[in-house]
Amino acid sequence: MMDNPNPNHHQLHWLDVEEIAEELAEAHPDVNPMTITFPRLKELVESLPGFKAQPGHPCNERILETIQGLWIEEKDG
């Protein structure tokens, strides 16, 4: 098993929607989650430190909608 290169972040995958939303709000304060496209949202999630898709848990529109909604809540927080 490989060590995570960034010890401040544990491994995230698509089902970690709340943690992903928090990470996105922190990493991209200049991005408006209300207007982001799903392809761009997917790119941003996949670029988060520690993110790794898990076999059997692919990304889909419902997951992206959930992440987007939680990110909006996080930003409005």
Protein backbone atom coordinates (compact mmCIF):
# COMPACT_ATOMS: atom_id res chain seq x y z
CA MET A 1 0.00 0.00 0.00
CA MET A 2 1.37 3.40 -0.96
CA ASP A 3 1.60 6.25 1.50
CA ASN A 4 -0.53 9.27 0.75
CA PRO A 5 1.85 12.01 -0.48
CA ASN A 6 -0.05 14.64 1.52
CA PRO A 7 -0.44 13.58 5.15
CA ASN A 8 -3.10 16.26 5.77
CA HIS A 9 -5.54 14.53 3.42
CA HIS A 10 -6.81 10.98 3.65
CA GLN A 11 -8.04 9.17 0.58
CA LEU A 12 -11.36 10.39 -0.80
CA HIS A 13 -13.64 8.67 -3.29
CA TRP A 14 -16.96 9.49 -4.95
CA LEU A 15 -19.11 8.45 -2.00
CA ASP A 16 -17.37 10.92 0.35
CA VAL A 17 -19.68 13.69 -0.86
CA GLU A 18 -19.65 15.82 2.31
CA GLU A 19 -15.87 15.78 2.65
CA ILE A 20 -15.50 16.48 -1.08
CA ALA A 21 -17.79 19.53 -0.78
CA GLU A 22 -15.76 20.82 2.17
CA GLU A 23 -12.49 20.29 0.30
CA LEU A 24 -13.84 22.04 -2.81
CA ALA A 25 -15.03 25.05 -0.78
CA GLU A 26 -11.60 25.31 0.80
CA ALA A 27 -9.57 24.70 -2.36
CA HIS A 28 -11.67 26.81 -4.76
CA PRO A 29 -13.17 29.81 -2.92
CA ASP A 30 -13.31 31.74 -6.20
CA VAL A 31 -15.52 29.14 -7.96
CA ASN A 32 -19.29 29.59 -7.85
CA PRO A 33 -20.77 26.12 -7.27
CA MET A 34 -24.18 27.33 -8.50
CA THR A 35 -22.89 27.89 -12.03
CA ILE A 36 -20.27 25.15 -12.39
CA THR A 37 -20.79 22.54 -15.10
CA PHE A 38 -20.74 18.87 -14.17
CA PRO A 39 -17.69 18.13 -16.38
CA ARG A 40 -15.77 20.93 -14.62
CA LEU A 41 -17.00 19.79 -11.19
CA LYS A 42 -15.81 16.26 -11.95
CA GLU A 43 -12.38 17.63 -12.95
CA LEU A 44 -12.11 19.64 -9.73
CA VAL A 45 -13.05 16.64 -7.59
CA GLU A 46 -10.59 14.38 -9.39
CA SER A 47 -7.82 16.95 -8.81
CA LEU A 48 -8.34 17.09 -5.02
CA PRO A 49 -5.39 15.83 -2.96
CA GLY A 50 -6.02 12.26 -1.92
CA PHE A 51 -8.92 11.66 -4.33
CA LYS A 52 -8.99 8.23 -5.93
CA ALA A 53 -12.00 6.66 -7.60
CA GLN A 54 -12.89 3.25 -6.16
CA PRO A 55 -13.79 0.25 -8.32
CA GLY A 56 -17.53 -0.29 -8.26
CA HIS A 57 -18.25 3.31 -7.24
CA PRO A 58 -18.22 5.33 -10.46
CA CYS A 59 -19.19 8.96 -10.68
CA ASN A 60 -22.69 9.71 -11.92
CA GLU A 61 -25.00 12.70 -12.25
CA ARG A 62 -26.69 12.05 -8.90
CA ILE A 63 -23.34 12.11 -7.07
CA LEU A 64 -22.31 15.31 -8.84
CA GLU A 65 -25.67 16.94 -7.98
CA THR A 66 -25.21 15.98 -4.34
CA ILE A 67 -21.66 17.33 -4.23
CA GLN A 68 -22.79 20.55 -5.92
CA GLY A 69 -25.65 21.03 -3.44
CA LEU A 70 -23.42 20.39 -0.43
CA TRP A 71 -20.77 22.74 -1.83
CA ILE A 72 -23.41 25.47 -2.19
CA GLU A 73 -24.44 24.90 1.46
CA GLU A 74 -20.80 24.95 2.53
CA LYS A 75 -20.16 28.21 0.69
CA ASP A 76 -23.34 29.82 2.11
CA GLY A 77 -22.46 28.38 5.54
